[in-house]
Amino acid sequence: MYFAALLARTEDGWEASDTELDDVETLSDLADLAREASPDEDTVLVLIEQEGGWFGVVRVDGEDDPRIYVSDAAAAARSSYGEILLTDELLGREPGDDAADLDALDLDGTEDGEPEDDADDGEEGGGSAEAVPHGPVGDTGILDDLGVSEKELLSLSEDALTEIAEALGASETLETVR
């Protein structure tokens, strides 16, 4: 089961909104959705979790590039929502490397329409789910200035989004959309 919400920082505190990601296909789409939640270009956090699997945080500050943290890249790679977050840059890959293109992955981690040996380039398994690292990827300092240290972020697991919201002083706000 998935949960996704937007937390927008306002001068009155945090505002939460439940969000549907069905129409979101790229990180750019997700960033645009976040920016729409805050017309004043305040900080917006997109919180996504797959129950028991992984969670992700995307931070959008005005027109700056989004900052991303994913708790378990390999688990997220098997998810359509996770694929949105796992950009080439986040995974340390060259953009446009077709063998490493997660957009070509089926949800089961196999490449759509390509035999397995075509993807074998001797490097990282050629874009299969195994080439995605197990464990966290991204900006571990994404929430430092908001009260969640890198160490705390890396230690979160089961109730990660709830714990993040508590640290932000937004737990009641988040619960209203859960």
C-alpha atoms as a PDB file:
ATOM      1  CA  MET A   1       0.000   0.000   0.000  1.00  0.00           C
ATOM      2  CA  TYR A   2       1.268   3.447  -0.925  1.00  0.00           C
ATOM      3  CA  PHE A   3       0.821   6.777   0.761  1.00  0.00           C
ATOM      4  CA  ALA A   4       1.802  10.135  -0.697  1.00  0.00           C
ATOM      5  CA  ALA A   5       1.308  13.580   0.773  1.00  0.00           C
ATOM      6  CA  LEU A   6       2.541  17.118   0.329  1.00  0.00           C
ATOM      7  CA  LEU A   7       3.662  19.171   3.317  1.00  0.00           C
ATOM      8  CA  ALA A   8       3.928  22.848   2.451  1.00  0.00           C
ATOM      9  CA  ARG A   9       5.637  25.218   4.867  1.00  0.00           C
ATOM     10  CA  THR A  10       3.697  28.431   5.315  1.00  0.00           C
ATOM     11  CA  GLU A  11       4.034  31.371   7.669  1.00  0.00           C
ATOM     12  CA  ASP A  12       1.267  29.725   9.731  1.00  0.00           C
ATOM     13  CA  GLY A  13       3.061  26.365   9.955  1.00  0.00           C
ATOM     14  CA  TRP A  14       2.821  23.241   7.841  1.00  0.00           C
ATOM     15  CA  GLU A  15      -0.152  22.487   5.596  1.00  0.00           C
ATOM     16  CA  ALA A  16      -0.716  18.946   4.391  1.00  0.00           C
ATOM     17  CA  SER A  17      -2.553  17.680   1.369  1.00  0.00           C
ATOM     18  CA  ASP A  18      -3.131  14.155   0.193  1.00  0.00           C
ATOM     19  CA  THR A  19      -1.878  13.765  -3.334  1.00  0.00           C
ATOM     20  CA  GLU A  20      -2.488  11.413  -6.207  1.00  0.00           C
ATOM     21  CA  LEU A  21       0.586  10.486  -8.178  1.00  0.00           C
ATOM     22  CA  ASP A  22      -1.245   8.670 -10.979  1.00  0.00           C
ATOM     23  CA  ASP A  23      -0.643  11.525 -13.445  1.00  0.00           C
ATOM     24  CA  VAL A  24       2.955  12.095 -12.335  1.00  0.00           C
ATOM     25  CA  GLU A  25       5.428  10.468 -14.716  1.00  0.00           C
ATOM     26  CA  THR A  26       8.681  12.318 -14.068  1.00  0.00           C
ATOM     27  CA  LEU A  27      10.537  14.082 -11.282  1.00  0.00           C
ATOM     28  CA  SER A  28       9.797  17.339 -13.097  1.00  0.00           C
ATOM     29  CA  ASP A  29       6.053  16.597 -12.914  1.00  0.00           C
ATOM     30  CA  LEU A  30       6.410  15.876  -9.195  1.00  0.00           C
ATOM     31  CA  ALA A  31       8.331  19.120  -8.603  1.00  0.00           C
ATOM     32  CA  ASP A  32       5.644  21.087 -10.482  1.00  0.00           C
ATOM     33  CA  LEU A  33       2.950  19.468  -8.328  1.00  0.00           C
ATOM     34  CA  ALA A  34       4.871  20.467  -5.207  1.00  0.00           C
ATOM     35  CA  ARG A  35       5.342  24.045  -6.418  1.00  0.00           C
ATOM     36  CA  GLU A  36       1.589  24.352  -7.026  1.00  0.00           C
ATOM     37  CA  ALA A  37       1.055  23.561  -3.334  1.00  0.00           C
ATOM     38  CA  SER A  38       3.001  26.667  -2.330  1.00  0.00           C
ATOM     39  CA  PRO A  39       2.392  29.757  -4.448  1.00  0.00           C
ATOM     40  CA  ASP A  40       4.767  31.741  -2.195  1.00  0.00           C
ATOM     41  CA  GLU A  41       7.704  29.491  -3.165  1.00  0.00           C
ATOM     42  CA  ASP A  42       8.031  28.157   0.371  1.00  0.00           C
ATOM     43  CA  THR A  43       9.506  24.759   1.138  1.00  0.00           C
ATOM     44  CA  VAL A  44       7.353  21.816   0.086  1.00  0.00           C
ATOM     45  CA  LEU A  45       8.064  18.230   1.035  1.00  0.00           C
ATOM     46  CA  VAL A  46       6.653  15.361  -0.976  1.00  0.00           C
ATOM     47  CA  LEU A  47       6.464  12.324   1.283  1.00  0.00           C
ATOM     48  CA  ILE A  48       5.996   8.918  -0.326  1.00  0.00           C
ATOM     49  CA  GLU A  49       6.016   5.520   1.302  1.00  0.00           C
ATOM     50  CA  GLN A  50       5.340   1.956   0.408  1.00  0.00           C
ATOM     51  CA  GLU A  51       4.244   0.310   3.605  1.00  0.00           C
ATOM     52  CA  GLY A  52       7.001  -1.913   4.935  1.00  0.00           C
ATOM     53  CA  GLY A  53       9.193  -1.346   1.870  1.00  0.00           C
ATOM     54  CA  TRP A  54      10.684   2.097   1.461  1.00  0.00           C
ATOM     55  CA  PHE A  55      10.032   5.797   1.820  1.00  0.00           C
ATOM     56  CA  GLY A  56      11.130   8.841  -0.096  1.00  0.00           C
ATOM     57  CA  VAL A  57      11.320  12.562   0.552  1.00  0.00           C
ATOM     58  CA  VAL A  58      11.462  15.136  -2.208  1.00  0.00           C
ATOM     59  CA  ARG A  59      12.150  18.695  -1.130  1.00  0.00           C
ATOM     60  CA  VAL A  60      11.271  21.591  -3.383  1.00  0.00           C
ATOM     61  CA  ASP A  61      12.375  25.089  -2.383  1.00  0.00           C
ATOM     62  CA  GLY A  62      10.908  27.561  -4.862  1.00  0.00           C
ATOM     63  CA  GLU A  63      12.449  27.171  -8.297  1.00  0.00           C
ATOM     64  CA  ASP A  64      15.532  25.282  -7.030  1.00  0.00           C
ATOM     65  CA  ASP A  65      16.110  21.769  -8.305  1.00  0.00           C
ATOM     66  CA  PRO A  66      14.342  19.182  -6.166  1.00  0.00           C
ATOM     67  CA  ARG A  67      16.397  17.394  -3.530  1.00  0.00           C
ATOM     68  CA  ILE A  68      15.684  13.689  -3.089  1.00  0.00           C
ATOM     69  CA  TYR A  69      16.220  11.018  -0.466  1.00  0.00           C
ATOM     70  CA  VAL A  70      15.094   7.386  -0.882  1.00  0.00           C
ATOM     71  CA  SER A  71      15.467   4.938   2.013  1.00  0.00           C
ATOM     72  CA  ASP A  72      15.964   1.807  -0.116  1.00  0.00           C
ATOM     73  CA  ALA A  73      16.728   2.302  -3.794  1.00  0.00           C
ATOM     74  CA  ALA A  74      16.413  -1.368  -4.747  1.00  0.00           C
ATOM     75  CA  ALA A  75      12.935  -1.627  -3.204  1.00  0.00           C
ATOM     76  CA  ALA A  76      11.888   1.695  -4.748  1.00  0.00           C
ATOM     77  CA  ALA A  77      13.108   0.574  -8.189  1.00  0.00           C
ATOM     78  CA  ARG A  78      10.380  -2.077  -8.194  1.00  0.00           C
ATOM     79  CA  SER A  79       7.721   0.595  -7.692  1.00  0.00           C
ATOM     80  CA  SER A  80       6.249   2.947 -10.255  1.00  0.00           C
ATOM     81  CA  TYR A  81       6.411   5.779  -7.702  1.00  0.00           C
ATOM     82  CA  GLY A  82       9.985   4.891  -6.803  1.00  0.00           C
ATOM     83  CA  GLU A  83      10.995   5.026 -10.457  1.00  0.00           C
ATOM     84  CA  ILE A  84      10.016   8.697 -10.498  1.00  0.00           C
ATOM     85  CA  LEU A  85      12.533   9.466  -7.747  1.00  0.00           C
ATOM     86  CA  LEU A  86      15.428   7.298  -8.935  1.00  0.00           C
ATOM     87  CA  THR A  87      16.970   9.603 -11.509  1.00  0.00           C
ATOM     88  CA  ASP A  88      20.241   8.906 -13.302  1.00  0.00           C
ATOM     89  CA  GLU A  89      21.879  11.678 -11.294  1.00  0.00           C
ATOM     90  CA  LEU A  90      20.655  10.242  -7.980  1.00  0.00           C
ATOM     91  CA  LEU A  91      22.033   6.816  -8.905  1.00  0.00           C
ATOM     92  CA  GLY A  92      25.329   8.228 -10.181  1.00  0.00           C
ATOM     93  CA  ARG A  93      24.717   7.256 -13.798  1.00  0.00           C
ATOM     94  CA  GLU A  94      25.295   9.118 -17.009  1.00  0.00           C
ATOM     95  CA  PRO A  95      22.020  10.631 -18.293  1.00  0.00           C
ATOM     96  CA  GLY A  96      20.723   8.982 -21.427  1.00  0.00           C
ATOM     97  CA  ASP A  97      22.493   5.672 -20.776  1.00  0.00           C
ATOM     98  CA  ASP A  98      19.799   3.393 -22.182  1.00  0.00           C
ATOM     99  CA  ALA A  99      21.148   0.390 -20.305  1.00  0.00           C
ATOM    100  CA  ALA A 100      20.658   2.265 -17.035  1.00  0.00           C
ATOM    101  CA  ASP A 101      17.316   3.855 -17.883  1.00  0.00           C
ATOM    102  CA  LEU A 102      14.839   3.022 -15.136  1.00  0.00           C
ATOM    103  CA  ASP A 103      11.959   4.245 -17.306  1.00  0.00           C
ATOM    104  CA  ALA A 104      12.448   1.094 -19.397  1.00  0.00           C
ATOM    105  CA  LEU A 105      12.023  -1.179 -16.391  1.00  0.00           C
ATOM    106  CA  ASP A 106       8.883  -3.146 -15.785  1.00  0.00           C
ATOM    107  CA  LEU A 107       7.707  -3.176 -12.181  1.00  0.00           C
ATOM    108  CA  ASP A 108       9.285  -6.601 -11.754  1.00  0.00           C
ATOM    109  CA  GLY A 109      12.691  -5.077 -12.549  1.00  0.00           C
ATOM    110  CA  THR A 110      13.120  -6.568 -16.018  1.00  0.00           C
ATOM    111  CA  GLU A 111      13.604  -4.400 -19.042  1.00  0.00           C
ATOM    112  CA  ASP A 112      10.534  -3.999 -21.209  1.00  0.00           C
ATOM    113  CA  GLY A 113      10.961  -5.624 -24.598  1.00  0.00           C
ATOM    114  CA  GLU A 114      14.679  -6.318 -24.362  1.00  0.00           C
ATOM    115  CA  PRO A 115      16.347  -9.671 -23.771  1.00  0.00           C
ATOM    116  CA  GLU A 116      18.481  -9.780 -20.628  1.00  0.00           C
ATOM    117  CA  ASP A 117      21.786 -10.330 -22.453  1.00  0.00           C
ATOM    118  CA  ASP A 118      21.305  -7.141 -24.549  1.00  0.00           C
ATOM    119  CA  ALA A 119      21.512  -5.140 -21.323  1.00  0.00           C
ATOM    120  CA  ASP A 120      24.714  -6.799 -20.125  1.00  0.00           C
ATOM    121  CA  ASP A 121      27.463  -4.253 -20.611  1.00  0.00           C
ATOM    122  CA  GLY A 122      29.810  -5.678 -17.989  1.00  0.00           C
ATOM    123  CA  GLU A 123      29.249  -2.702 -15.737  1.00  0.00           C
ATOM    124  CA  GLU A 124      26.351  -2.498 -13.293  1.00  0.00           C
ATOM    125  CA  GLY A 125      24.150  -5.292 -14.592  1.00  0.00           C
ATOM    126  CA  GLY A 126      22.885  -3.096 -17.400  1.00  0.00           C
ATOM    127  CA  GLY A 127      19.963  -1.380 -15.695  1.00  0.00           C
ATOM    128  CA  SER A 128      18.365  -4.365 -14.047  1.00  0.00           C
ATOM    129  CA  ALA A 129      16.985  -3.880 -10.567  1.00  0.00           C
ATOM    130  CA  GLU A 130      20.140  -5.543  -9.224  1.00  0.00           C
ATOM    131  CA  ALA A 131      22.186  -2.570 -10.507  1.00  0.00           C
ATOM    132  CA  VAL A 132      20.304  -0.274  -8.149  1.00  0.00           C
ATOM    133  CA  PRO A 133      21.976  -0.144  -4.738  1.00  0.00           C
ATOM    134  CA  HIS A 134      20.302  -1.713  -1.751  1.00  0.00           C
ATOM    135  CA  GLY A 135      19.892   0.901   0.937  1.00  0.00           C
ATOM    136  CA  PRO A 136      19.577   4.659   0.980  1.00  0.00           C
ATOM    137  CA  VAL A 137      20.445   7.013  -1.862  1.00  0.00           C
ATOM    138  CA  GLY A 138      20.221  10.744  -2.275  1.00  0.00           C
ATOM    139  CA  ASP A 139      20.616  13.807  -0.102  1.00  0.00           C
ATOM    140  CA  THR A 140      20.858  12.595   3.490  1.00  0.00           C
ATOM    141  CA  GLY A 141      21.010  16.213   4.683  1.00  0.00           C
ATOM    142  CA  ILE A 142      17.686  17.046   3.032  1.00  0.00           C
ATOM    143  CA  LEU A 143      15.946  17.758   6.362  1.00  0.00           C
ATOM    144  CA  ASP A 144      18.887  18.971   8.500  1.00  0.00           C
ATOM    145  CA  ASP A 145      17.645  22.559   8.729  1.00  0.00           C
ATOM    146  CA  LEU A 146      14.127  21.332   9.560  1.00  0.00           C
ATOM    147  CA  GLY A 147      15.137  19.295  12.618  1.00  0.00           C
ATOM    148  CA  VAL A 148      15.881  15.831  11.202  1.00  0.00           C
ATOM    149  CA  SER A 149      19.612  15.145  11.128  1.00  0.00           C
ATOM    150  CA  GLU A 150      21.336  12.908   8.616  1.00  0.00           C
ATOM    151  CA  LYS A 151      21.869  10.283  11.335  1.00  0.00           C
ATOM    152  CA  GLU A 152      18.189  10.376  12.321  1.00  0.00           C
ATOM    153  CA  LEU A 153      17.041  10.144   8.707  1.00  0.00           C
ATOM    154  CA  LEU A 154      19.238   7.111   8.050  1.00  0.00           C
ATOM    155  CA  SER A 155      17.885   5.348  11.150  1.00  0.00           C
ATOM    156  CA  LEU A 156      14.184   5.711  10.215  1.00  0.00           C
ATOM    157  CA  SER A 157      12.227   2.671   9.080  1.00  0.00           C
ATOM    158  CA  GLU A 158       8.641   1.545   9.761  1.00  0.00           C
ATOM    159  CA  ASP A 159       6.966   4.822  10.760  1.00  0.00           C
ATOM    160  CA  ALA A 160       9.417   7.100   8.971  1.00  0.00           C
ATOM    161  CA  LEU A 161       6.931   9.639   7.641  1.00  0.00           C
ATOM    162  CA  THR A 162       5.236   9.936  11.029  1.00  0.00           C
ATOM    163  CA  GLU A 163       8.601  10.457  12.722  1.00  0.00           C
ATOM    164  CA  ILE A 164       9.610  13.079  10.153  1.00  0.00           C
ATOM    165  CA  ALA A 165       6.299  14.889  10.638  1.00  0.00           C
ATOM    166  CA  GLU A 166       6.766  14.817  14.433  1.00  0.00           C
ATOM    167  CA  ALA A 167      10.234  16.376  14.109  1.00  0.00           C
ATOM    168  CA  LEU A 168       8.765  19.083  11.872  1.00  0.00           C
ATOM    169  CA  GLY A 169       5.915  19.749  14.298  1.00  0.00           C
ATOM    170  CA  ALA A 170       3.452  18.603  11.648  1.00  0.00           C
ATOM    171  CA  SER A 171       2.325  15.184  12.868  1.00  0.00           C
ATOM    172  CA  GLU A 172      -1.297  16.213  13.460  1.00  0.00           C
ATOM    173  CA  THR A 173      -1.355  17.971  10.096  1.00  0.00           C
ATOM    174  CA  LEU A 174      -0.053  14.877   8.302  1.00  0.00           C
ATOM    175  CA  GLU A 175      -2.490  12.590  10.101  1.00  0.00           C
ATOM    176  CA  THR A 176      -5.422  14.605   8.745  1.00  0.00           C
ATOM    177  CA  VAL A 177      -4.610  13.408   5.221  1.00  0.00           C
ATOM    178  CA  ARG A 178      -3.529   9.869   6.070  1.00  0.00           C
END
